[in-house]
Amino acid sequence: MSGRLVTEGFRAMGCDCAVAVTAGPGEARRAARALAAGRREVAACERTLSRFLPDSDLARVNRGAGSWVEVDARMARATRAALAARRATGGRFDPTILPALEAAGYDRSFERISERPARTADGWRPGGRVEAEAGRVRVEEGLAIDLGGIAKGWSAERALEAMREAWPSMRGGLVDLGGDLALWGLTPERGPWRVAIADPRTPGATLGTLCVDGGGVATSGRDRRRFGPGRSLHHLIDPATGVPAIGGPLAVTVVAPQAHRAEAFATLLALGGLAAAEAVVAEHADIAAVFVPDAGEPVVLGDPRIEWPAEALTAAVAR
């Protein structure tokens, strides 16, 4: 059956987002129902997981630090995903970095950040105690959590689930939350999903195209979310220091079986150099990455399928 990709764009979580499904002739109403379900789920996740909404579950958990707080199932599940990511990355992804992130200047939604200088978070330490059970979450007294990018990856997965629930015979779909992608099923061409890898050095240009059968894709790096005096700061806090990371790639794109896992490992690889990234990918066979340094050619880690522009074929270095 021939088909087309039916797409809706919208704003959520402070970024440009999109939901899309593969639909054939006569399936417009079913496609619309699935897209609406995906958008509703994204909105529900944002109401629950945003640190910028004072009535969100995450904000209530932080205000109630030291005590169990009753929460929506989304908050409990997303928190467990963040804790699993902390374990998988050896603490380099840490949901308790919120005090350090706010001290650095990322203390409000990105479009409203001021130009004040960064400061250190007094008394903050990584690895604080966080617990999540069915219907409730507790953070250690004096701490606060930010699910950050992993919330986008997790929400993209949940939105894709909602789309499939709304249209059980759906053949394929995707959710893109500001570059955090969850992908499943068949494209209209019945081939892989094609995801452009942005060139961080040339706005609007691409390095190549990832060919992905499903799962998740996420990008992180120092080229995005810059703020502070002269835009000298960025949002990637190194838990080892409590301040924005120094060094690391300009950007890194990760492919993984789940969108939230791709986001966690994109954060991890964005905090260190190439040798550390190579070691991480060698240890975790289910992820692959494209590592873009400040200078020099992009480096492919693992075994992603990539279509390179002809002029870039000799520049790509496979590892």
C-alpha atoms as a PDB file:
ATOM      1  CA  MET A   1       0.000   0.000   0.000  1.00  0.00           C
ATOM      2  CA  SER A   2       1.370   3.398  -0.965  1.00  0.00           C
ATOM      3  CA  GLY A   3       1.395   6.079   1.676  1.00  0.00           C
ATOM      4  CA  ARG A   4       2.667   9.417   2.809  1.00  0.00           C
ATOM      5  CA  LEU A   5       4.023  10.933   5.987  1.00  0.00           C
ATOM      6  CA  VAL A   6       1.368  13.070   7.675  1.00  0.00           C
ATOM      7  CA  THR A   7       3.052  15.606   9.970  1.00  0.00           C
ATOM      8  CA  GLU A   8       1.968  18.245  12.488  1.00  0.00           C
ATOM      9  CA  GLY A   9       4.355  20.797  13.951  1.00  0.00           C
ATOM     10  CA  PHE A  10       3.863  22.609  17.259  1.00  0.00           C
ATOM     11  CA  ARG A  11       5.691  24.272  20.139  1.00  0.00           C
ATOM     12  CA  ALA A  12       6.213  22.486  23.454  1.00  0.00           C
ATOM     13  CA  MET A  13       8.874  22.183  26.137  1.00  0.00           C
ATOM     14  CA  GLY A  14      10.463  25.404  24.885  1.00  0.00           C
ATOM     15  CA  CYS A  15      11.291  24.001  21.442  1.00  0.00           C
ATOM     16  CA  ASP A  16       9.931  23.235  17.987  1.00  0.00           C
ATOM     17  CA  CYS A  17       8.286  19.809  17.923  1.00  0.00           C
ATOM     18  CA  ALA A  18       6.556  17.516  15.455  1.00  0.00           C
ATOM     19  CA  VAL A  19       4.536  14.308  15.365  1.00  0.00           C
ATOM     20  CA  ALA A  20       4.138  12.242  12.201  1.00  0.00           C
ATOM     21  CA  VAL A  21       2.572   8.988  11.013  1.00  0.00           C
ATOM     22  CA  THR A  22       2.719   6.872   7.890  1.00  0.00           C
ATOM     23  CA  ALA A  23      -0.776   6.908   6.383  1.00  0.00           C
ATOM     24  CA  GLY A  24      -2.314   5.504   3.230  1.00  0.00           C
ATOM     25  CA  PRO A  25      -5.335   6.536   1.142  1.00  0.00           C
ATOM     26  CA  GLY A  26      -8.496   6.773   3.203  1.00  0.00           C
ATOM     27  CA  GLU A  27      -6.622   6.903   6.528  1.00  0.00           C
ATOM     28  CA  ALA A  28      -6.669  10.669   7.090  1.00  0.00           C
ATOM     29  CA  ARG A  29      -9.066  10.513  10.065  1.00  0.00           C
ATOM     30  CA  ARG A  30      -7.110   7.737  11.760  1.00  0.00           C
ATOM     31  CA  ALA A  31      -3.882   9.640  11.199  1.00  0.00           C
ATOM     32  CA  ALA A  32      -5.409  12.798  12.672  1.00  0.00           C
ATOM     33  CA  ARG A  33      -6.581  10.851  15.720  1.00  0.00           C
ATOM     34  CA  ALA A  34      -3.095   9.442  16.288  1.00  0.00           C
ATOM     35  CA  LEU A  35      -1.405  12.828  15.876  1.00  0.00           C
ATOM     36  CA  ALA A  36      -3.845  14.419  18.318  1.00  0.00           C
ATOM     37  CA  ALA A  37      -3.114  11.653  20.858  1.00  0.00           C
ATOM     38  CA  GLY A  38       0.607  12.275  20.504  1.00  0.00           C
ATOM     39  CA  ARG A  39       0.234  16.001  21.040  1.00  0.00           C
ATOM     40  CA  ARG A  40      -1.999  15.481  24.085  1.00  0.00           C
ATOM     41  CA  GLU A  41       0.584  13.171  25.613  1.00  0.00           C
ATOM     42  CA  VAL A  42       3.398  15.655  25.029  1.00  0.00           C
ATOM     43  CA  ALA A  43       1.315  18.348  26.740  1.00  0.00           C
ATOM     44  CA  ALA A  44       0.574  16.032  29.671  1.00  0.00           C
ATOM     45  CA  CYS A  45       4.261  15.175  30.039  1.00  0.00           C
ATOM     46  CA  GLU A  46       5.205  18.856  29.990  1.00  0.00           C
ATOM     47  CA  ARG A  47       2.621  19.684  32.684  1.00  0.00           C
ATOM     48  CA  THR A  48       4.075  16.899  34.804  1.00  0.00           C
ATOM     49  CA  LEU A  49       7.837  17.110  34.194  1.00  0.00           C
ATOM     50  CA  SER A  50       8.663  20.786  33.567  1.00  0.00           C
ATOM     51  CA  ARG A  51      10.740  22.608  36.158  1.00  0.00           C
ATOM     52  CA  PHE A  52       9.405  25.921  34.852  1.00  0.00           C
ATOM     53  CA  LEU A  53       5.749  25.244  35.767  1.00  0.00           C
ATOM     54  CA  PRO A  54       5.180  25.838  39.497  1.00  0.00           C
ATOM     55  CA  ASP A  55       2.351  23.305  39.701  1.00  0.00           C
ATOM     56  CA  SER A  56       4.153  20.479  37.881  1.00  0.00           C
ATOM     57  CA  ASP A  57       4.846  17.249  39.727  1.00  0.00           C
ATOM     58  CA  LEU A  58       8.566  17.890  39.394  1.00  0.00           C
ATOM     59  CA  ALA A  59       8.239  21.324  41.021  1.00  0.00           C
ATOM     60  CA  ARG A  60       6.157  19.858  43.859  1.00  0.00           C
ATOM     61  CA  VAL A  61       8.715  17.107  44.433  1.00  0.00           C
ATOM     62  CA  ASN A  62      11.474  19.702  44.706  1.00  0.00           C
ATOM     63  CA  ARG A  63       9.457  21.849  47.103  1.00  0.00           C
ATOM     64  CA  GLY A  64       8.769  18.776  49.222  1.00  0.00           C
ATOM     65  CA  ALA A  65      12.391  17.616  49.339  1.00  0.00           C
ATOM     66  CA  GLY A  66      12.904  15.209  52.212  1.00  0.00           C
ATOM     67  CA  SER A  67       9.378  13.790  52.027  1.00  0.00           C
ATOM     68  CA  TRP A  68       7.490  11.446  49.750  1.00  0.00           C
ATOM     69  CA  VAL A  69       5.317  13.373  47.283  1.00  0.00           C
ATOM     70  CA  GLU A  70       2.386  11.785  45.456  1.00  0.00           C
ATOM     71  CA  VAL A  71       2.822  12.160  41.704  1.00  0.00           C
ATOM     72  CA  ASP A  72       1.368  11.149  38.363  1.00  0.00           C
ATOM     73  CA  ALA A  73       2.644   7.855  36.952  1.00  0.00           C
ATOM     74  CA  ARG A  74       4.547   9.828  34.307  1.00  0.00           C
ATOM     75  CA  MET A  75       6.690  11.520  36.953  1.00  0.00           C
ATOM     76  CA  ALA A  76       7.496   8.249  38.700  1.00  0.00           C
ATOM     77  CA  ARG A  77       8.378   6.467  35.449  1.00  0.00           C
ATOM     78  CA  ALA A  78      10.474   9.343  34.084  1.00  0.00           C
ATOM     79  CA  THR A  79      12.352   9.624  37.385  1.00  0.00           C
ATOM     80  CA  ARG A  80      13.141   5.911  37.321  1.00  0.00           C
ATOM     81  CA  ALA A  81      14.412   6.320  33.757  1.00  0.00           C
ATOM     82  CA  ALA A  82      16.677   9.173  34.895  1.00  0.00           C
ATOM     83  CA  LEU A  83      18.038   7.104  37.781  1.00  0.00           C
ATOM     84  CA  ALA A  84      18.731   4.192  35.416  1.00  0.00           C
ATOM     85  CA  ALA A  85      20.583   6.622  33.139  1.00  0.00           C
ATOM     86  CA  ARG A  86      22.663   7.846  36.079  1.00  0.00           C
ATOM     87  CA  ARG A  87      23.712   4.276  36.807  1.00  0.00           C
ATOM     88  CA  ALA A  88      24.407   3.478  33.138  1.00  0.00           C
ATOM     89  CA  THR A  89      26.598   6.577  32.687  1.00  0.00           C
ATOM     90  CA  GLY A  90      28.504   6.213  35.943  1.00  0.00           C
ATOM     91  CA  GLY A  91      26.960   9.424  37.286  1.00  0.00           C
ATOM     92  CA  ARG A  92      27.917  11.613  34.326  1.00  0.00           C
ATOM     93  CA  PHE A  93      24.223  12.070  33.671  1.00  0.00           C
ATOM     94  CA  ASP A  94      22.777  13.195  37.015  1.00  0.00           C
ATOM     95  CA  PRO A  95      19.199  14.425  37.586  1.00  0.00           C
ATOM     96  CA  THR A  96      20.270  16.201  40.797  1.00  0.00           C
ATOM     97  CA  ILE A  97      22.291  18.888  38.960  1.00  0.00           C
ATOM     98  CA  LEU A  98      19.476  21.463  39.177  1.00  0.00           C
ATOM     99  CA  PRO A  99      21.166  23.631  41.865  1.00  0.00           C
ATOM    100  CA  ALA A 100      24.349  23.764  39.767  1.00  0.00           C
ATOM    101  CA  LEU A 101      22.367  24.485  36.597  1.00  0.00           C
ATOM    102  CA  GLU A 102      20.497  27.364  38.234  1.00  0.00           C
ATOM    103  CA  ALA A 103      23.708  28.734  39.739  1.00  0.00           C
ATOM    104  CA  ALA A 104      25.247  28.771  36.261  1.00  0.00           C
ATOM    105  CA  GLY A 105      22.374  30.988  35.103  1.00  0.00           C
ATOM    106  CA  TYR A 106      19.870  28.562  33.585  1.00  0.00           C
ATOM    107  CA  ASP A 107      17.289  29.468  36.222  1.00  0.00           C
ATOM    108  CA  ARG A 108      14.293  30.172  33.970  1.00  0.00           C
ATOM    109  CA  SER A 109      12.979  29.139  30.566  1.00  0.00           C
ATOM    110  CA  PHE A 110      15.664  29.610  27.948  1.00  0.00           C
ATOM    111  CA  GLU A 111      14.125  32.574  26.147  1.00  0.00           C
ATOM    112  CA  ARG A 112      14.043  34.510  29.459  1.00  0.00           C
ATOM    113  CA  ILE A 113      17.572  33.794  30.729  1.00  0.00           C
ATOM    114  CA  SER A 114      19.430  36.895  31.886  1.00  0.00           C
ATOM    115  CA  GLU A 115      23.037  37.848  31.142  1.00  0.00           C
ATOM    116  CA  ARG A 116      24.186  37.567  34.746  1.00  0.00           C
ATOM    117  CA  PRO A 117      27.578  35.940  35.453  1.00  0.00           C
ATOM    118  CA  ALA A 118      27.649  32.338  36.600  1.00  0.00           C
ATOM    119  CA  ARG A 119      28.255  31.371  40.202  1.00  0.00           C
ATOM    120  CA  THR A 120      28.900  28.069  41.914  1.00  0.00           C
ATOM    121  CA  ALA A 121      26.193  26.184  43.778  1.00  0.00           C
ATOM    122  CA  ASP A 122      27.101  26.350  47.449  1.00  0.00           C
ATOM    123  CA  GLY A 123      27.095  22.947  49.098  1.00  0.00           C
ATOM    124  CA  TRP A 124      25.906  21.056  46.024  1.00  0.00           C
ATOM    125  CA  ARG A 125      27.267  17.576  45.466  1.00  0.00           C
ATOM    126  CA  PRO A 126      26.495  15.012  42.757  1.00  0.00           C
ATOM    127  CA  GLY A 127      24.754  11.702  43.295  1.00  0.00           C
ATOM    128  CA  GLY A 128      22.128  12.793  45.810  1.00  0.00           C
ATOM    129  CA  ARG A 129      19.519  10.286  46.928  1.00  0.00           C
ATOM    130  CA  VAL A 130      16.381  10.109  44.791  1.00  0.00           C
ATOM    131  CA  GLU A 131      13.678   7.443  45.149  1.00  0.00           C
ATOM    132  CA  ALA A 132      10.742   6.687  42.877  1.00  0.00           C
ATOM    133  CA  GLU A 133       7.940   4.228  43.512  1.00  0.00           C
ATOM    134  CA  ALA A 134       4.523   3.741  41.964  1.00  0.00           C
ATOM    135  CA  GLY A 135       2.725   7.046  42.425  1.00  0.00           C
ATOM    136  CA  ARG A 136       5.317   8.809  44.560  1.00  0.00           C
ATOM    137  CA  VAL A 137       8.834  10.312  44.458  1.00  0.00           C
ATOM    138  CA  ARG A 138      11.202  11.561  47.149  1.00  0.00           C
ATOM    139  CA  VAL A 139      14.424  13.554  46.832  1.00  0.00           C
ATOM    140  CA  GLU A 140      16.939  14.018  49.583  1.00  0.00           C
ATOM    141  CA  GLU A 141      16.391  17.086  51.744  1.00  0.00           C
ATOM    142  CA  GLY A 142      18.331  20.071  50.408  1.00  0.00           C
ATOM    143  CA  LEU A 143      18.407  18.683  46.858  1.00  0.00           C
ATOM    144  CA  ALA A 144      16.359  19.322  43.723  1.00  0.00           C
ATOM    145  CA  ILE A 145      16.080  17.432  40.467  1.00  0.00           C
ATOM    146  CA  ASP A 146      15.848  18.419  36.820  1.00  0.00           C
ATOM    147  CA  LEU A 147      14.943  15.696  34.358  1.00  0.00           C
ATOM    148  CA  GLY A 148      16.066  18.003  31.556  1.00  0.00           C
ATOM    149  CA  GLY A 149      16.749  16.463  28.186  1.00  0.00           C
ATOM    150  CA  ILE A 150      15.932  12.940  29.307  1.00  0.00           C
ATOM    151  CA  ALA A 151      12.370  14.114  29.944  1.00  0.00           C
ATOM    152  CA  LYS A 152      12.118  15.068  26.275  1.00  0.00           C
ATOM    153  CA  GLY A 153      13.401  11.693  25.135  1.00  0.00           C
ATOM    154  CA  TRP A 154      11.123   9.854  27.550  1.00  0.00           C
ATOM    155  CA  SER A 155       8.140  12.030  26.575  1.00  0.00           C
ATOM    156  CA  ALA A 156       8.805  11.366  22.886  1.00  0.00           C
ATOM    157  CA  GLU A 157       8.654   7.628  23.588  1.00  0.00           C
ATOM    158  CA  ARG A 158       5.447   7.984  25.586  1.00  0.00           C
ATOM    159  CA  ALA A 159       3.831  10.145  22.872  1.00  0.00           C
ATOM    160  CA  LEU A 160       4.678   7.505  20.280  1.00  0.00           C
ATOM    161  CA  GLU A 161       3.060   4.887  22.525  1.00  0.00           C
ATOM    162  CA  ALA A 162      -0.065   7.063  22.778  1.00  0.00           C
ATOM    163  CA  MET A 163      -0.215   7.369  18.994  1.00  0.00           C
ATOM    164  CA  ARG A 164      -0.044   3.589  18.607  1.00  0.00           C
ATOM    165  CA  GLU A 165      -2.747   3.150  21.248  1.00  0.00           C
ATOM    166  CA  ALA A 166      -4.993   5.610  19.405  1.00  0.00           C
ATOM    167  CA  TRP A 167      -4.394   3.807  16.072  1.00  0.00           C
ATOM    168  CA  PRO A 168      -3.529   0.144  16.739  1.00  0.00           C
ATOM    169  CA  SER A 169      -2.950  -0.611  13.058  1.00  0.00           C
ATOM    170  CA  MET A 170      -0.628   2.369  12.560  1.00  0.00           C
ATOM    171  CA  ARG A 171       2.268   1.292  10.349  1.00  0.00           C
ATOM    172  CA  GLY A 172       4.886   3.811  11.461  1.00  0.00           C
ATOM    173  CA  GLY A 173       5.397   7.073  13.265  1.00  0.00           C
ATOM    174  CA  LEU A 174       7.814   9.487  14.823  1.00  0.00           C
ATOM    175  CA  VAL A 175       7.909  12.120  17.545  1.00  0.00           C
ATOM    176  CA  ASP A 176      10.478  14.926  17.443  1.00  0.00           C
ATOM    177  CA  LEU A 177      10.794  17.055  20.571  1.00  0.00           C
ATOM    178  CA  GLY A 178      13.422  19.636  19.743  1.00  0.00           C
ATOM    179  CA  GLY A 179      15.782  17.088  18.218  1.00  0.00           C
ATOM    180  CA  ASP A 180      15.012  14.226  20.605  1.00  0.00           C
ATOM    181  CA  LEU A 181      13.435  11.653  18.293  1.00  0.00           C
ATOM    182  CA  ALA A 182      11.466   8.479  18.917  1.00  0.00           C
ATOM    183  CA  LEU A 183      10.935   6.393  15.761  1.00  0.00           C
ATOM    184  CA  TRP A 184       8.948   3.231  15.113  1.00  0.00           C
ATOM    185  CA  GLY A 185       7.650   1.102  12.274  1.00  0.00           C
ATOM    186  CA  LEU A 186       7.571   1.700   8.543  1.00  0.00           C
ATOM    187  CA  THR A 187       8.182   4.861   6.589  1.00  0.00           C
ATOM    188  CA  PRO A 188       6.012   5.554   3.528  1.00  0.00           C
ATOM    189  CA  GLU A 189       8.893   4.236   1.400  1.00  0.00           C
ATOM    190  CA  ARG A 190       9.119   1.098   3.617  1.00  0.00           C
ATOM    191  CA  GLY A 191      12.773   1.890   4.206  1.00  0.00           C
ATOM    192  CA  PRO A 192      14.645   3.275   7.203  1.00  0.00           C
ATOM    193  CA  TRP A 193      13.837   6.592   8.837  1.00  0.00           C
ATOM    194  CA  ARG A 194      16.195   9.267   7.514  1.00  0.00           C
ATOM    195  CA  VAL A 195      17.470  11.723  10.123  1.00  0.00           C
ATOM    196  CA  ALA A 196      19.677  14.643   9.107  1.00  0.00           C
ATOM    197  CA  ILE A 197      22.811  15.263  11.209  1.00  0.00           C
ATOM    198  CA  ALA A 198      23.101  19.017  11.648  1.00  0.00           C
ATOM    199  CA  ASP A 199      26.477  20.639  11.017  1.00  0.00           C
ATOM    200  CA  PRO A 200      27.146  22.676  14.190  1.00  0.00           C
ATOM    201  CA  ARG A 201      29.701  24.824  12.383  1.00  0.00           C
ATOM    202  CA  THR A 202      27.392  25.863   9.534  1.00  0.00           C
ATOM    203  CA  PRO A 203      23.819  26.768  10.536  1.00  0.00           C
ATOM    204  CA  GLY A 204      21.291  25.176   8.215  1.00  0.00           C
ATOM    205  CA  ALA A 205      23.764  22.689   6.743  1.00  0.00           C
ATOM    206  CA  THR A 206      23.927  18.942   7.354  1.00  0.00           C
ATOM    207  CA  LEU A 207      26.877  16.594   7.697  1.00  0.00           C
ATOM    208  CA  GLY A 208      25.012  13.532   6.522  1.00  0.00           C
ATOM    209  CA  THR A 209      21.875  11.450   7.010  1.00  0.00           C
ATOM    210  CA  LEU A 210      21.366   8.720   9.582  1.00  0.00           C
ATOM    211  CA  CYS A 211      19.350   5.718   8.398  1.00  0.00           C
ATOM    212  CA  VAL A 212      17.501   4.327  11.431  1.00  0.00           C
ATOM    213  CA  ASP A 213      15.047   1.418  11.585  1.00  0.00           C
ATOM    214  CA  GLY A 214      13.589   2.626  14.888  1.00  0.00           C
ATOM    215  CA  GLY A 215      14.508   3.599  18.435  1.00  0.00           C
ATOM    216  CA  GLY A 216      15.846   6.985  19.455  1.00  0.00           C
ATOM    217  CA  VAL A 217      18.169   9.724  18.255  1.00  0.00           C
ATOM    218  CA  ALA A 218      19.442  12.652  20.318  1.00  0.00           C
ATOM    219  CA  THR A 219      22.011  15.417  19.876  1.00  0.00           C
ATOM    220  CA  SER A 220      23.857  17.356  22.564  1.00  0.00           C
ATOM    221  CA  GLY A 221      26.760  19.764  22.620  1.00  0.00           C
ATOM    222  CA  ARG A 222      28.157  23.190  23.338  1.00  0.00           C
ATOM    223  CA  ASP A 223      26.790  24.748  20.148  1.00  0.00           C
ATOM    224  CA  ARG A 224      23.266  24.907  21.584  1.00  0.00           C
ATOM    225  CA  ARG A 225      21.562  26.469  24.622  1.00  0.00           C
ATOM    226  CA  ARG A 226      24.215  29.111  25.194  1.00  0.00           C
ATOM    227  CA  PHE A 227      23.579  31.943  27.631  1.00  0.00           C
ATOM    228  CA  GLY A 228      25.250  34.340  30.074  1.00  0.00           C
ATOM    229  CA  PRO A 229      27.670  37.209  29.343  1.00  0.00           C
ATOM    230  CA  GLY A 230      28.597  37.088  25.676  1.00  0.00           C
ATOM    231  CA  ARG A 231      26.829  33.703  25.410  1.00  0.00           C
ATOM    232  CA  SER A 232      29.917  32.208  27.010  1.00  0.00           C
ATOM    233  CA  LEU A 233      28.073  29.553  29.041  1.00  0.00           C
ATOM    234  CA  HIS A 234      26.130  26.436  28.074  1.00  0.00           C
ATOM    235  CA  HIS A 235      23.668  24.051  29.693  1.00  0.00           C
ATOM    236  CA  LEU A 236      25.911  20.992  29.992  1.00  0.00           C
ATOM    237  CA  ILE A 237      26.864  20.792  33.659  1.00  0.00           C
ATOM    238  CA  ASP A 238      29.721  18.431  34.484  1.00  0.00           C
ATOM    239  CA  PRO A 239      28.694  16.654  37.715  1.00  0.00           C
ATOM    240  CA  ALA A 240      32.376  16.282  38.587  1.00  0.00           C
ATOM    241  CA  THR A 241      32.809  20.072  38.848  1.00  0.00           C
ATOM    242  CA  GLY A 242      29.307  21.504  39.213  1.00  0.00           C
ATOM    243  CA  VAL A 243      29.908  24.062  36.432  1.00  0.00           C
ATOM    244  CA  PRO A 244      29.430  24.079  32.632  1.00  0.00           C
ATOM    245  CA  ALA A 245      31.706  21.481  31.077  1.00  0.00           C
ATOM    246  CA  ILE A 246      34.988  22.554  29.533  1.00  0.00           C
ATOM    247  CA  GLY A 247      36.108  20.778  26.417  1.00  0.00           C
ATOM    248  CA  GLY A 248      34.202  17.976  24.802  1.00  0.00           C
ATOM    249  CA  PRO A 249      32.841  17.965  21.261  1.00  0.00           C
ATOM    250  CA  LEU A 250      31.068  20.848  19.624  1.00  0.00           C
ATOM    251  CA  ALA A 251      28.173  18.420  19.145  1.00  0.00           C
ATOM    252  CA  VAL A 252      27.481  14.697  19.324  1.00  0.00           C
ATOM    253  CA  THR A 253      24.557  12.745  17.883  1.00  0.00           C
ATOM    254  CA  VAL A 254      23.685   9.378  19.431  1.00  0.00           C
ATOM    255  CA  VAL A 255      21.533   6.508  18.149  1.00  0.00           C
ATOM    256  CA  ALA A 256      20.130   4.088  20.744  1.00  0.00           C
ATOM    257  CA  PRO A 257      17.235   1.637  21.165  1.00  0.00           C
ATOM    258  CA  GLN A 258      15.225   4.219  23.162  1.00  0.00           C
ATOM    259  CA  ALA A 259      15.060   7.995  22.867  1.00  0.00           C
ATOM    260  CA  HIS A 260      15.732   8.578  26.565  1.00  0.00           C
ATOM    261  CA  ARG A 261      18.827   6.339  26.414  1.00  0.00           C
ATOM    262  CA  ALA A 262      20.062   8.248  23.353  1.00  0.00           C
ATOM    263  CA  GLU A 263      19.645  11.506  25.291  1.00  0.00           C
ATOM    264  CA  ALA A 264      21.493  10.242  28.372  1.00  0.00           C
ATOM    265  CA  PHE A 265      24.460   9.006  26.340  1.00  0.00           C
ATOM    266  CA  ALA A 266      24.515  12.162  24.212  1.00  0.00           C
ATOM    267  CA  THR A 267      24.944  14.083  27.472  1.00  0.00           C
ATOM    268  CA  LEU A 268      27.681  11.709  28.609  1.00  0.00           C
ATOM    269  CA  LEU A 269      29.633  11.903  25.342  1.00  0.00           C
ATOM    270  CA  ALA A 270      29.265  15.693  25.226  1.00  0.00           C
ATOM    271  CA  LEU A 271      31.143  16.058  28.527  1.00  0.00           C
ATOM    272  CA  GLY A 272      34.456  14.527  27.450  1.00  0.00           C
ATOM    273  CA  GLY A 273      36.947  14.067  24.685  1.00  0.00           C
ATOM    274  CA  LEU A 274      37.146  11.630  21.810  1.00  0.00           C
ATOM    275  CA  ALA A 275      39.089   8.928  23.668  1.00  0.00           C
ATOM    276  CA  ALA A 276      36.461   8.832  26.421  1.00  0.00           C
ATOM    277  CA  ALA A 277      33.664   8.706  23.835  1.00  0.00           C
ATOM    278  CA  GLU A 278      35.351   5.805  22.025  1.00  0.00           C
ATOM    279  CA  ALA A 279      35.616   3.885  25.300  1.00  0.00           C
ATOM    280  CA  VAL A 280      31.940   4.458  26.136  1.00  0.00           C
ATOM    281  CA  VAL A 281      30.676   3.291  22.746  1.00  0.00           C
ATOM    282  CA  ALA A 282      32.977   0.264  22.855  1.00  0.00           C
ATOM    283  CA  GLU A 283      31.465  -0.668  26.226  1.00  0.00           C
ATOM    284  CA  HIS A 284      27.826  -0.187  25.154  1.00  0.00           C
ATOM    285  CA  ALA A 285      27.186  -2.122  21.959  1.00  0.00           C
ATOM    286  CA  ASP A 286      23.627  -0.807  21.568  1.00  0.00           C
ATOM    287  CA  ILE A 287      24.649   2.811  20.945  1.00  0.00           C
ATOM    288  CA  ALA A 288      26.441   4.558  18.091  1.00  0.00           C
ATOM    289  CA  ALA A 289      27.442   8.177  17.651  1.00  0.00           C
ATOM    290  CA  VAL A 290      28.742  10.898  15.383  1.00  0.00           C
ATOM    291  CA  PHE A 291      31.271  13.011  17.311  1.00  0.00           C
ATOM    292  CA  VAL A 292      31.946  16.514  15.925  1.00  0.00           C
ATOM    293  CA  PRO A 293      35.028  18.167  17.478  1.00  0.00           C
ATOM    294  CA  ASP A 294      35.761  21.892  17.523  1.00  0.00           C
ATOM    295  CA  ALA A 295      38.181  21.392  14.656  1.00  0.00           C
ATOM    296  CA  GLY A 296      38.796  18.532  12.297  1.00  0.00           C
ATOM    297  CA  GLU A 297      36.491  15.990  10.744  1.00  0.00           C
ATOM    298  CA  PRO A 298      33.508  14.229  12.347  1.00  0.00           C
ATOM    299  CA  VAL A 299      34.265  10.833  13.841  1.00  0.00           C
ATOM    300  CA  VAL A 300      31.865   7.898  13.602  1.00  0.00           C
ATOM    301  CA  LEU A 301      31.693   5.708  16.712  1.00  0.00           C
ATOM    302  CA  GLY A 302      30.055   2.313  16.619  1.00  0.00           C
ATOM    303  CA  ASP A 303      28.249   1.245  13.480  1.00  0.00           C
ATOM    304  CA  PRO A 304      25.460   3.660  12.510  1.00  0.00           C
ATOM    305  CA  ARG A 305      24.204   3.690   8.935  1.00  0.00           C
ATOM    306  CA  ILE A 306      25.032   7.075   7.453  1.00  0.00           C
ATOM    307  CA  GLU A 307      24.662   8.520   3.982  1.00  0.00           C
ATOM    308  CA  TRP A 308      27.369  11.126   3.463  1.00  0.00           C
ATOM    309  CA  PRO A 309      27.341  13.865   0.834  1.00  0.00           C
ATOM    310  CA  ALA A 310      29.815  13.004  -1.908  1.00  0.00           C
ATOM    311  CA  GLU A 311      32.223  15.741  -0.807  1.00  0.00           C
ATOM    312  CA  ALA A 312      32.231  14.410   2.740  1.00  0.00           C
ATOM    313  CA  LEU A 313      32.949  10.754   1.975  1.00  0.00           C
ATOM    314  CA  THR A 314      36.713  11.187   2.210  1.00  0.00           C
ATOM    315  CA  ALA A 315      36.364  13.362   5.335  1.00  0.00           C
ATOM    316  CA  ALA A 316      34.407  10.909   7.468  1.00  0.00           C
ATOM    317  CA  VAL A 317      36.603   8.815   9.725  1.00  0.00           C
ATOM    318  CA  ALA A 318      35.115   5.471  10.751  1.00  0.00           C
ATOM    319  CA  ARG A 319      36.216   4.043  14.074  1.00  0.00           C
END
